[in-house]
Amino acid sequence: MKEKYTLSNGVEIPKIGLGTWRISDNVTAQAVKDAAEIGYRHIDTAQAYGNERGVGDGIRSCGVAREDLFVTTKITAEIKSYTKAATSIDRSLKALRLDYIDMVIIHSPQPWSEFGKGNRYFKENIEVWQALEDAYKDGKLRAIGVSNFEIEDLENILEDCAIKPMVNQVLAHIGNTPKELIAYCQQRNILVEAYSPIAHGELIKKPEVSKIAEKYGVSVPQLAIRYCLDLGLLPLPKTANPRNMENNAKVDFTISVEDLEILKSIEPINYGDAKAFPVFNVKRK
């Protein structure tokens, strides 16, 4: 829990974060406090989650010094202009009631209603990125990045930016490892964050995954989180259950090269109830 990655601008970020998607605002503060007590120092939220207020309440009341915590939020996918992006950053600061946000990222290169379709919103994403750069230069943010960006989306930003993205947060787990995208990011010192590292619990239904977990004497979630870490990714397991938070943090083991290769070849996952979310309906390389 104490290990950290170093972003391209020198800022340190804890190697495991608590995801808060689908955790309602009225229970998020307690989830953050529970996580902090267990040892988490990295909390991930988003404007679209509707729980920034709760995250901020938890941050302020958890008993851990603000400078020891890393808080990420995301600009709503539908925001695609400089003015709206800049306004949304200030709105997040107000909702969180924090003097600064450790990192803000673009939630998606496309609005969710158009996710995976032809228009990549290149021009619009440049505007949003410029708003992030300006907020970063003004000291409102310590780091900036993107989420769900494919290689062509990243190239669009890299060709025009003054400050390159420090992270790309993507769907990545056993059964869905976008190898080409991960390699592209890592070659450019862009940290890849892995959301839904346990595939919304669906990995537990995979007997071949359970078999390898048993080999290491760990749970499937622990194996899934370790898998991401062994690939150099930053996993963001989501839970409001303290017992699961604690279990997810106990990943002090290493997967063998042979087993990593087996896990990389696991068949794609059926995401159950989460499959309605656009990201889970798009095949990734």
C-alpha atoms as a PDB file:
ATOM      1  CA  MET A   1       0.000   0.000   0.000  1.00  0.00           C
ATOM      2  CA  LYS A   2       2.954   2.314   0.540  1.00  0.00           C
ATOM      3  CA  GLU A   3       4.519   1.726  -2.877  1.00  0.00           C
ATOM      4  CA  LYS A   4       4.183   4.471  -5.476  1.00  0.00           C
ATOM      5  CA  TYR A   5       4.690   5.150  -9.143  1.00  0.00           C
ATOM      6  CA  THR A   6       6.336   8.392 -10.240  1.00  0.00           C
ATOM      7  CA  LEU A   7       4.510  10.322 -12.954  1.00  0.00           C
ATOM      8  CA  SER A   8       6.352  12.042 -15.778  1.00  0.00           C
ATOM      9  CA  ASN A   9       6.285  15.369 -13.905  1.00  0.00           C
ATOM     10  CA  GLY A  10       7.848  13.844 -10.781  1.00  0.00           C
ATOM     11  CA  VAL A  11       4.624  13.609  -8.751  1.00  0.00           C
ATOM     12  CA  GLU A  12       4.238  10.334  -6.842  1.00  0.00           C
ATOM     13  CA  ILE A  13       0.988   8.361  -7.000  1.00  0.00           C
ATOM     14  CA  PRO A  14       0.122   5.335  -4.823  1.00  0.00           C
ATOM     15  CA  LYS A  15       0.199   2.076  -6.793  1.00  0.00           C
ATOM     16  CA  ILE A  16      -3.325   1.009  -5.774  1.00  0.00           C
ATOM     17  CA  GLY A  17      -6.336   3.307  -5.673  1.00  0.00           C
ATOM     18  CA  LEU A  18      -9.904   2.984  -4.448  1.00  0.00           C
ATOM     19  CA  GLY A  19     -12.427   3.270  -7.273  1.00  0.00           C
ATOM     20  CA  THR A  20     -15.788   4.850  -6.394  1.00  0.00           C
ATOM     21  CA  TRP A  21     -17.920   4.244  -9.494  1.00  0.00           C
ATOM     22  CA  ARG A  22     -21.489   3.306  -8.523  1.00  0.00           C
ATOM     23  CA  ILE A  23     -20.898   4.197  -4.877  1.00  0.00           C
ATOM     24  CA  SER A  24     -23.645   6.642  -3.946  1.00  0.00           C
ATOM     25  CA  ASP A  25     -22.748  10.054  -2.576  1.00  0.00           C
ATOM     26  CA  ASN A  26     -24.348   9.430   0.814  1.00  0.00           C
ATOM     27  CA  VAL A  27     -22.052   6.472   1.602  1.00  0.00           C
ATOM     28  CA  THR A  28     -18.880   7.582  -0.175  1.00  0.00           C
ATOM     29  CA  ALA A  29     -17.511   9.571   2.769  1.00  0.00           C
ATOM     30  CA  GLN A  30     -17.599   6.484   4.978  1.00  0.00           C
ATOM     31  CA  ALA A  31     -16.025   4.384   2.226  1.00  0.00           C
ATOM     32  CA  VAL A  32     -13.166   6.879   1.940  1.00  0.00           C
ATOM     33  CA  LYS A  33     -12.679   6.926   5.724  1.00  0.00           C
ATOM     34  CA  ASP A  34     -12.669   3.124   5.868  1.00  0.00           C
ATOM     35  CA  ALA A  35     -10.160   2.975   3.018  1.00  0.00           C
ATOM     36  CA  ALA A  36      -7.878   5.514   4.673  1.00  0.00           C
ATOM     37  CA  GLU A  37      -7.952   3.558   7.942  1.00  0.00           C
ATOM     38  CA  ILE A  38      -6.943   0.395   6.074  1.00  0.00           C
ATOM     39  CA  GLY A  39      -4.058   2.240   4.412  1.00  0.00           C
ATOM     40  CA  TYR A  40      -5.345   3.497   1.058  1.00  0.00           C
ATOM     41  CA  ARG A  41      -3.951   6.874   0.075  1.00  0.00           C
ATOM     42  CA  HIS A  42      -5.384   7.122  -3.448  1.00  0.00           C
ATOM     43  CA  ILE A  43      -9.059   7.815  -4.182  1.00  0.00           C
ATOM     44  CA  ASP A  44     -10.555   7.906  -7.686  1.00  0.00           C
ATOM     45  CA  THR A  45     -13.845   9.644  -8.467  1.00  0.00           C
ATOM     46  CA  ALA A  46     -15.445  11.507 -11.385  1.00  0.00           C
ATOM     47  CA  GLN A  47     -17.867  14.320 -12.058  1.00  0.00           C
ATOM     48  CA  ALA A  48     -20.191  11.762 -13.649  1.00  0.00           C
ATOM     49  CA  TYR A  49     -20.210   9.559 -10.530  1.00  0.00           C
ATOM     50  CA  GLY A  50     -22.151  12.175  -8.586  1.00  0.00           C
ATOM     51  CA  ASN A  51     -20.159  11.524  -5.409  1.00  0.00           C
ATOM     52  CA  GLU A  52     -17.446  14.196  -5.378  1.00  0.00           C
ATOM     53  CA  ARG A  53     -19.059  15.844  -2.346  1.00  0.00           C
ATOM     54  CA  GLY A  54     -18.916  12.571  -0.427  1.00  0.00           C
ATOM     55  CA  VAL A  55     -15.329  11.926  -1.461  1.00  0.00           C
ATOM     56  CA  GLY A  56     -14.339  15.393  -0.277  1.00  0.00           C
ATOM     57  CA  ASP A  57     -16.113  14.879   3.056  1.00  0.00           C
ATOM     58  CA  GLY A  58     -14.264  11.605   3.509  1.00  0.00           C
ATOM     59  CA  ILE A  59     -10.913  13.163   2.635  1.00  0.00           C
ATOM     60  CA  ARG A  60     -11.343  15.950   5.177  1.00  0.00           C
ATOM     61  CA  SER A  61     -12.607  13.700   7.984  1.00  0.00           C
ATOM     62  CA  CYS A  62     -10.457  10.573   7.549  1.00  0.00           C
ATOM     63  CA  GLY A  63      -7.655  11.742   9.841  1.00  0.00           C
ATOM     64  CA  VAL A  64      -4.935  11.527   7.177  1.00  0.00           C
ATOM     65  CA  ALA A  65      -3.056  14.691   6.208  1.00  0.00           C
ATOM     66  CA  ARG A  66      -4.250  16.107   2.894  1.00  0.00           C
ATOM     67  CA  GLU A  67      -0.753  16.071   1.414  1.00  0.00           C
ATOM     68  CA  ASP A  68      -0.537  12.324   2.035  1.00  0.00           C
ATOM     69  CA  LEU A  69      -3.642  11.609  -0.081  1.00  0.00           C
ATOM     70  CA  PHE A  70      -3.983  11.474  -3.854  1.00  0.00           C
ATOM     71  CA  VAL A  71      -7.393  12.421  -5.258  1.00  0.00           C
ATOM     72  CA  THR A  72      -8.408  12.012  -8.906  1.00  0.00           C
ATOM     73  CA  THR A  73     -11.555  13.192 -10.634  1.00  0.00           C
ATOM     74  CA  LYS A  74     -12.603  13.225 -14.282  1.00  0.00           C
ATOM     75  CA  ILE A  75     -14.111  15.771 -16.646  1.00  0.00           C
ATOM     76  CA  THR A  76     -17.480  14.496 -17.828  1.00  0.00           C
ATOM     77  CA  ALA A  77     -17.275  12.785 -21.234  1.00  0.00           C
ATOM     78  CA  GLU A  78     -19.882  15.092 -22.762  1.00  0.00           C
ATOM     79  CA  ILE A  79     -17.838  18.236 -22.030  1.00  0.00           C
ATOM     80  CA  LYS A  80     -15.917  19.086 -25.187  1.00  0.00           C
ATOM     81  CA  SER A  81     -15.020  22.781 -25.028  1.00  0.00           C
ATOM     82  CA  TYR A  82     -12.370  24.847 -23.244  1.00  0.00           C
ATOM     83  CA  THR A  83     -14.876  27.015 -21.382  1.00  0.00           C
ATOM     84  CA  LYS A  84     -17.052  24.158 -20.125  1.00  0.00           C
ATOM     85  CA  ALA A  85     -14.002  22.110 -19.135  1.00  0.00           C
ATOM     86  CA  ALA A  86     -12.468  24.999 -17.186  1.00  0.00           C
ATOM     87  CA  THR A  87     -15.781  25.653 -15.457  1.00  0.00           C
ATOM     88  CA  SER A  88     -16.157  21.963 -14.581  1.00  0.00           C
ATOM     89  CA  ILE A  89     -12.718  21.886 -12.949  1.00  0.00           C
ATOM     90  CA  ASP A  90     -13.687  24.780 -10.694  1.00  0.00           C
ATOM     91  CA  ARG A  91     -16.987  23.063  -9.977  1.00  0.00           C
ATOM     92  CA  SER A  92     -15.146  19.902  -8.910  1.00  0.00           C
ATOM     93  CA  LEU A  93     -12.896  21.909  -6.608  1.00  0.00           C
ATOM     94  CA  LYS A  94     -16.001  23.395  -5.031  1.00  0.00           C
ATOM     95  CA  ALA A  95     -17.810  20.040  -4.755  1.00  0.00           C
ATOM     96  CA  LEU A  96     -14.784  18.351  -3.218  1.00  0.00           C
ATOM     97  CA  ARG A  97     -14.092  21.445  -1.101  1.00  0.00           C
ATOM     98  CA  LEU A  98     -10.368  21.024  -1.641  1.00  0.00           C
ATOM     99  CA  ASP A  99      -7.726  23.675  -2.320  1.00  0.00           C
ATOM    100  CA  TYR A 100      -6.307  21.558  -5.128  1.00  0.00           C
ATOM    101  CA  ILE A 101      -6.994  18.257  -6.888  1.00  0.00           C
ATOM    102  CA  ASP A 102      -4.107  15.868  -7.318  1.00  0.00           C
ATOM    103  CA  MET A 103      -5.202  14.847 -10.802  1.00  0.00           C
ATOM    104  CA  VAL A 104      -7.996  15.568 -13.258  1.00  0.00           C
ATOM    105  CA  ILE A 105      -8.412  13.521 -16.421  1.00  0.00           C
ATOM    106  CA  ILE A 106     -10.692  13.558 -19.462  1.00  0.00           C
ATOM    107  CA  HIS A 107     -13.207  10.766 -18.845  1.00  0.00           C
ATOM    108  CA  SER A 108     -13.552   9.755 -22.486  1.00  0.00           C
ATOM    109  CA  PRO A 109     -12.475  11.033 -25.917  1.00  0.00           C
ATOM    110  CA  GLN A 110     -16.110  10.802 -26.981  1.00  0.00           C
ATOM    111  CA  PRO A 111     -19.448  11.472 -25.283  1.00  0.00           C
ATOM    112  CA  TRP A 112     -20.796   8.179 -23.931  1.00  0.00           C
ATOM    113  CA  SER A 113     -23.671   8.202 -26.413  1.00  0.00           C
ATOM    114  CA  GLU A 114     -21.095   8.090 -29.231  1.00  0.00           C
ATOM    115  CA  PHE A 115     -18.479   5.888 -27.586  1.00  0.00           C
ATOM    116  CA  GLY A 116     -16.732   3.619 -30.099  1.00  0.00           C
ATOM    117  CA  LYS A 117     -18.198   5.400 -33.123  1.00  0.00           C
ATOM    118  CA  GLY A 118     -16.417   7.290 -35.888  1.00  0.00           C
ATOM    119  CA  ASN A 119     -16.084  10.855 -34.588  1.00  0.00           C
ATOM    120  CA  ARG A 120     -13.026  11.011 -32.314  1.00  0.00           C
ATOM    121  CA  TYR A 121     -13.569  14.672 -31.326  1.00  0.00           C
ATOM    122  CA  PHE A 122      -9.939  15.540 -32.006  1.00  0.00           C
ATOM    123  CA  LYS A 123     -10.381  19.327 -32.078  1.00  0.00           C
ATOM    124  CA  GLU A 124     -12.676  19.339 -29.067  1.00  0.00           C
ATOM    125  CA  ASN A 125     -10.336  17.184 -26.987  1.00  0.00           C
ATOM    126  CA  ILE A 126      -7.504  19.614 -27.690  1.00  0.00           C
ATOM    127  CA  GLU A 127      -9.668  22.378 -26.189  1.00  0.00           C
ATOM    128  CA  VAL A 128     -10.404  20.304 -23.099  1.00  0.00           C
ATOM    129  CA  TRP A 129      -6.727  19.448 -22.776  1.00  0.00           C
ATOM    130  CA  GLN A 130      -5.776  23.123 -22.945  1.00  0.00           C
ATOM    131  CA  ALA A 131      -8.167  23.792 -20.060  1.00  0.00           C
ATOM    132  CA  LEU A 132      -6.410  21.061 -18.072  1.00  0.00           C
ATOM    133  CA  GLU A 133      -2.996  22.502 -18.917  1.00  0.00           C
ATOM    134  CA  ASP A 134      -4.059  25.963 -17.754  1.00  0.00           C
ATOM    135  CA  ALA A 135      -5.532  24.618 -14.497  1.00  0.00           C
ATOM    136  CA  TYR A 136      -2.302  22.691 -13.948  1.00  0.00           C
ATOM    137  CA  LYS A 137      -0.190  25.805 -14.561  1.00  0.00           C
ATOM    138  CA  ASP A 138      -2.414  27.754 -12.154  1.00  0.00           C
ATOM    139  CA  GLY A 139      -1.714  25.237  -9.386  1.00  0.00           C
ATOM    140  CA  LYS A 140      -5.265  23.899  -9.176  1.00  0.00           C
ATOM    141  CA  LEU A 141      -4.061  20.425 -10.233  1.00  0.00           C
ATOM    142  CA  ARG A 142      -0.870  18.477  -9.545  1.00  0.00           C
ATOM    143  CA  ALA A 143      -1.223  16.176 -12.554  1.00  0.00           C
ATOM    144  CA  ILE A 144      -3.388  15.781 -15.653  1.00  0.00           C
ATOM    145  CA  GLY A 145      -4.300  12.861 -17.869  1.00  0.00           C
ATOM    146  CA  VAL A 146      -6.906  11.059 -19.926  1.00  0.00           C
ATOM    147  CA  SER A 147      -9.146   8.008 -19.761  1.00  0.00           C
ATOM    148  CA  ASN A 148     -10.388   5.538 -22.374  1.00  0.00           C
ATOM    149  CA  PHE A 149      -8.094   7.120 -24.973  1.00  0.00           C
ATOM    150  CA  GLU A 150      -6.966   4.909 -27.840  1.00  0.00           C
ATOM    151  CA  ILE A 151      -3.636   5.420 -29.625  1.00  0.00           C
ATOM    152  CA  GLU A 152      -5.091   7.806 -32.205  1.00  0.00           C
ATOM    153  CA  ASP A 153      -6.635   9.902 -29.432  1.00  0.00           C
ATOM    154  CA  LEU A 154      -3.322  10.073 -27.595  1.00  0.00           C
ATOM    155  CA  GLU A 155      -1.451  11.002 -30.759  1.00  0.00           C
ATOM    156  CA  ASN A 156      -3.861  13.868 -31.295  1.00  0.00           C
ATOM    157  CA  ILE A 157      -3.036  15.277 -27.845  1.00  0.00           C
ATOM    158  CA  LEU A 158       0.699  14.590 -28.059  1.00  0.00           C
ATOM    159  CA  GLU A 159       1.003  16.414 -31.382  1.00  0.00           C
ATOM    160  CA  ASP A 160      -0.482  19.605 -29.951  1.00  0.00           C
ATOM    161  CA  CYS A 161       0.155  19.702 -26.213  1.00  0.00           C
ATOM    162  CA  ALA A 162       2.545  21.739 -24.103  1.00  0.00           C
ATOM    163  CA  ILE A 163       2.248  19.174 -21.303  1.00  0.00           C
ATOM    164  CA  LYS A 164       1.804  15.528 -22.201  1.00  0.00           C
ATOM    165  CA  PRO A 165      -0.746  13.284 -20.456  1.00  0.00           C
ATOM    166  CA  MET A 166       0.646  11.695 -17.314  1.00  0.00           C
ATOM    167  CA  VAL A 167      -1.845   8.819 -17.208  1.00  0.00           C
ATOM    168  CA  ASN A 168      -4.326   6.979 -19.399  1.00  0.00           C
ATOM    169  CA  GLN A 169      -6.994   5.214 -17.341  1.00  0.00           C
ATOM    170  CA  VAL A 170      -8.438   2.293 -19.282  1.00  0.00           C
ATOM    171  CA  LEU A 171     -10.410  -0.912 -18.880  1.00  0.00           C
ATOM    172  CA  ALA A 172      -7.726  -3.537 -18.233  1.00  0.00           C
ATOM    173  CA  HIS A 173      -7.857  -6.845 -16.405  1.00  0.00           C
ATOM    174  CA  ILE A 174      -7.438 -10.593 -16.856  1.00  0.00           C
ATOM    175  CA  GLY A 175      -9.508 -11.367 -19.938  1.00  0.00           C
ATOM    176  CA  ASN A 176      -9.098  -7.845 -21.334  1.00  0.00           C
ATOM    177  CA  THR A 177      -5.502  -6.699 -21.685  1.00  0.00           C
ATOM    178  CA  PRO A 178      -5.074  -4.041 -24.414  1.00  0.00           C
ATOM    179  CA  LYS A 179      -1.421  -4.925 -25.055  1.00  0.00           C
ATOM    180  CA  GLU A 180      -0.760  -2.528 -27.928  1.00  0.00           C
ATOM    181  CA  LEU A 181      -2.250   0.441 -26.095  1.00  0.00           C
ATOM    182  CA  ILE A 182      -0.388  -0.392 -22.886  1.00  0.00           C
ATOM    183  CA  ALA A 183       2.926  -0.685 -24.757  1.00  0.00           C
ATOM    184  CA  TYR A 184       2.311   2.613 -26.563  1.00  0.00           C
ATOM    185  CA  CYS A 185       1.668   4.426 -23.282  1.00  0.00           C
ATOM    186  CA  GLN A 186       4.550   2.875 -21.390  1.00  0.00           C
ATOM    187  CA  GLN A 187       6.993   3.711 -24.181  1.00  0.00           C
ATOM    188  CA  ARG A 188       5.985   7.362 -23.753  1.00  0.00           C
ATOM    189  CA  ASN A 189       6.093   7.365 -19.945  1.00  0.00           C
ATOM    190  CA  ILE A 190       2.310   7.588 -19.671  1.00  0.00           C
ATOM    191  CA  LEU A 191       1.185   5.541 -16.674  1.00  0.00           C
ATOM    192  CA  VAL A 192      -1.689   3.178 -17.456  1.00  0.00           C
ATOM    193  CA  GLU A 193      -4.336   2.981 -14.753  1.00  0.00           C
ATOM    194  CA  ALA A 194      -6.566  -0.091 -14.818  1.00  0.00           C
ATOM    195  CA  TYR A 195     -10.182   0.390 -13.835  1.00  0.00           C
ATOM    196  CA  SER A 196     -12.465  -2.583 -13.157  1.00  0.00           C
ATOM    197  CA  PRO A 197      -9.414  -4.809 -12.490  1.00  0.00           C
ATOM    198  CA  ILE A 198     -11.705  -7.549 -11.144  1.00  0.00           C
ATOM    199  CA  ALA A 199     -14.133  -7.211 -14.094  1.00  0.00           C
ATOM    200  CA  HIS A 200     -16.984  -6.399 -11.712  1.00  0.00           C
ATOM    201  CA  GLY A 201     -16.497  -9.726  -9.982  1.00  0.00           C
ATOM    202  CA  GLU A 202     -17.020 -11.699 -13.171  1.00  0.00           C
ATOM    203  CA  LEU A 203     -13.483 -13.133 -12.957  1.00  0.00           C
ATOM    204  CA  ILE A 204     -14.591 -15.176  -9.959  1.00  0.00           C
ATOM    205  CA  LYS A 205     -16.715 -17.233 -12.366  1.00  0.00           C
ATOM    206  CA  LYS A 206     -13.657 -18.240 -14.400  1.00  0.00           C
ATOM    207  CA  PRO A 207     -12.418 -21.641 -13.119  1.00  0.00           C
ATOM    208  CA  GLU A 208      -9.069 -21.271 -14.872  1.00  0.00           C
ATOM    209  CA  VAL A 209      -8.485 -18.016 -12.980  1.00  0.00           C
ATOM    210  CA  SER A 210      -9.575 -19.557  -9.674  1.00  0.00           C
ATOM    211  CA  LYS A 211      -7.142 -22.420 -10.239  1.00  0.00           C
ATOM    212  CA  ILE A 212      -4.179 -20.046 -10.543  1.00  0.00           C
ATOM    213  CA  ALA A 213      -5.356 -18.023  -7.524  1.00  0.00           C
ATOM    214  CA  GLU A 214      -5.439 -21.220  -5.466  1.00  0.00           C
ATOM    215  CA  LYS A 215      -1.895 -21.982  -6.560  1.00  0.00           C
ATOM    216  CA  TYR A 216      -0.711 -18.756  -4.900  1.00  0.00           C
ATOM    217  CA  GLY A 217      -3.013 -19.112  -1.900  1.00  0.00           C
ATOM    218  CA  VAL A 218      -4.855 -15.895  -2.714  1.00  0.00           C
ATOM    219  CA  SER A 219      -8.349 -14.822  -3.740  1.00  0.00           C
ATOM    220  CA  VAL A 220      -9.308 -14.133  -7.358  1.00  0.00           C
ATOM    221  CA  PRO A 221      -9.528 -10.365  -6.667  1.00  0.00           C
ATOM    222  CA  GLN A 222      -6.038 -10.431  -5.167  1.00  0.00           C
ATOM    223  CA  LEU A 223      -4.706 -12.301  -8.207  1.00  0.00           C
ATOM    224  CA  ALA A 224      -6.437  -9.833 -10.549  1.00  0.00           C
ATOM    225  CA  ILE A 225      -4.955  -6.813  -8.788  1.00  0.00           C
ATOM    226  CA  ARG A 226      -1.493  -8.399  -8.684  1.00  0.00           C
ATOM    227  CA  TYR A 227      -1.814  -9.140 -12.408  1.00  0.00           C
ATOM    228  CA  CYS A 228      -2.218  -5.442 -13.125  1.00  0.00           C
ATOM    229  CA  LEU A 229       0.697  -4.500 -10.884  1.00  0.00           C
ATOM    230  CA  ASP A 230       2.968  -7.091 -12.494  1.00  0.00           C
ATOM    231  CA  LEU A 231       2.189  -5.515 -15.877  1.00  0.00           C
ATOM    232  CA  GLY A 232       3.186  -2.087 -14.552  1.00  0.00           C
ATOM    233  CA  LEU A 233      -0.402  -0.853 -14.336  1.00  0.00           C
ATOM    234  CA  LEU A 234      -2.140   0.972 -11.495  1.00  0.00           C
ATOM    235  CA  PRO A 235      -5.278  -0.947 -10.448  1.00  0.00           C
ATOM    236  CA  LEU A 236      -8.371   0.855  -9.143  1.00  0.00           C
ATOM    237  CA  PRO A 237     -10.559  -1.800  -7.479  1.00  0.00           C
ATOM    238  CA  LYS A 238     -13.986  -0.443  -6.546  1.00  0.00           C
ATOM    239  CA  THR A 239     -15.740  -1.359  -3.313  1.00  0.00           C
ATOM    240  CA  ALA A 240     -17.474   0.232  -0.338  1.00  0.00           C
ATOM    241  CA  ASN A 241     -16.964  -2.916   1.765  1.00  0.00           C
ATOM    242  CA  PRO A 242     -14.056  -2.550   4.263  1.00  0.00           C
ATOM    243  CA  ARG A 243     -13.413  -6.299   4.257  1.00  0.00           C
ATOM    244  CA  ASN A 244     -13.012  -6.277   0.475  1.00  0.00           C
ATOM    245  CA  MET A 245     -10.830  -3.158   0.654  1.00  0.00           C
ATOM    246  CA  GLU A 246      -8.509  -4.936   3.065  1.00  0.00           C
ATOM    247  CA  ASN A 247      -8.434  -8.106   0.975  1.00  0.00           C
ATOM    248  CA  ASN A 248      -7.710  -6.124  -2.196  1.00  0.00           C
ATOM    249  CA  ALA A 249      -4.698  -4.492  -0.551  1.00  0.00           C
ATOM    250  CA  LYS A 250      -3.012  -7.782   0.390  1.00  0.00           C
ATOM    251  CA  VAL A 251      -1.136  -8.411  -2.840  1.00  0.00           C
ATOM    252  CA  ASP A 252       2.432  -8.889  -1.642  1.00  0.00           C
ATOM    253  CA  PHE A 253       3.310 -11.706  -4.020  1.00  0.00           C
ATOM    254  CA  THR A 254       4.498 -12.047  -7.616  1.00  0.00           C
ATOM    255  CA  ILE A 255       2.928 -14.038 -10.454  1.00  0.00           C
ATOM    256  CA  SER A 256       5.355 -16.189 -12.428  1.00  0.00           C
ATOM    257  CA  VAL A 257       6.097 -15.328 -16.054  1.00  0.00           C
ATOM    258  CA  GLU A 258       4.432 -18.569 -17.152  1.00  0.00           C
ATOM    259  CA  ASP A 259       1.249 -17.852 -15.221  1.00  0.00           C
ATOM    260  CA  LEU A 260       1.175 -14.260 -16.457  1.00  0.00           C
ATOM    261  CA  GLU A 261       1.144 -15.565 -20.021  1.00  0.00           C
ATOM    262  CA  ILE A 262      -1.704 -17.926 -19.200  1.00  0.00           C
ATOM    263  CA  LEU A 263      -3.686 -15.084 -17.632  1.00  0.00           C
ATOM    264  CA  LYS A 264      -3.056 -12.849 -20.647  1.00  0.00           C
ATOM    265  CA  SER A 265      -4.688 -15.465 -22.854  1.00  0.00           C
ATOM    266  CA  ILE A 266      -7.901 -15.827 -20.816  1.00  0.00           C
ATOM    267  CA  GLU A 267     -11.046 -15.485 -22.936  1.00  0.00           C
ATOM    268  CA  PRO A 268     -12.925 -12.134 -22.900  1.00  0.00           C
ATOM    269  CA  ILE A 269     -15.257 -11.496 -19.977  1.00  0.00           C
ATOM    270  CA  ASN A 270     -19.042 -11.227 -19.937  1.00  0.00           C
ATOM    271  CA  TYR A 271     -19.563  -8.169 -17.749  1.00  0.00           C
ATOM    272  CA  GLY A 272     -23.015  -9.033 -16.464  1.00  0.00           C
ATOM    273  CA  ASP A 273     -25.056  -6.024 -15.384  1.00  0.00           C
ATOM    274  CA  ALA A 274     -22.203  -3.649 -16.263  1.00  0.00           C
ATOM    275  CA  LYS A 275     -22.334  -4.569 -19.958  1.00  0.00           C
ATOM    276  CA  ALA A 276     -24.828  -1.761 -20.599  1.00  0.00           C
ATOM    277  CA  PHE A 277     -22.046   0.766 -19.969  1.00  0.00           C
ATOM    278  CA  PRO A 278     -20.555   1.766 -23.369  1.00  0.00           C
ATOM    279  CA  VAL A 279     -16.951   0.892 -22.526  1.00  0.00           C
ATOM    280  CA  PHE A 280     -17.873  -2.743 -21.821  1.00  0.00           C
ATOM    281  CA  ASN A 281     -19.451  -3.134 -25.245  1.00  0.00           C
ATOM    282  CA  VAL A 282     -16.383  -2.174 -27.264  1.00  0.00           C
ATOM    283  CA  LYS A 283     -13.764  -4.734 -28.306  1.00  0.00           C
ATOM    284  CA  ARG A 284     -10.265  -3.510 -27.458  1.00  0.00           C
ATOM    285  CA  LYS A 285      -6.961  -4.609 -28.985  1.00  0.00           C
END
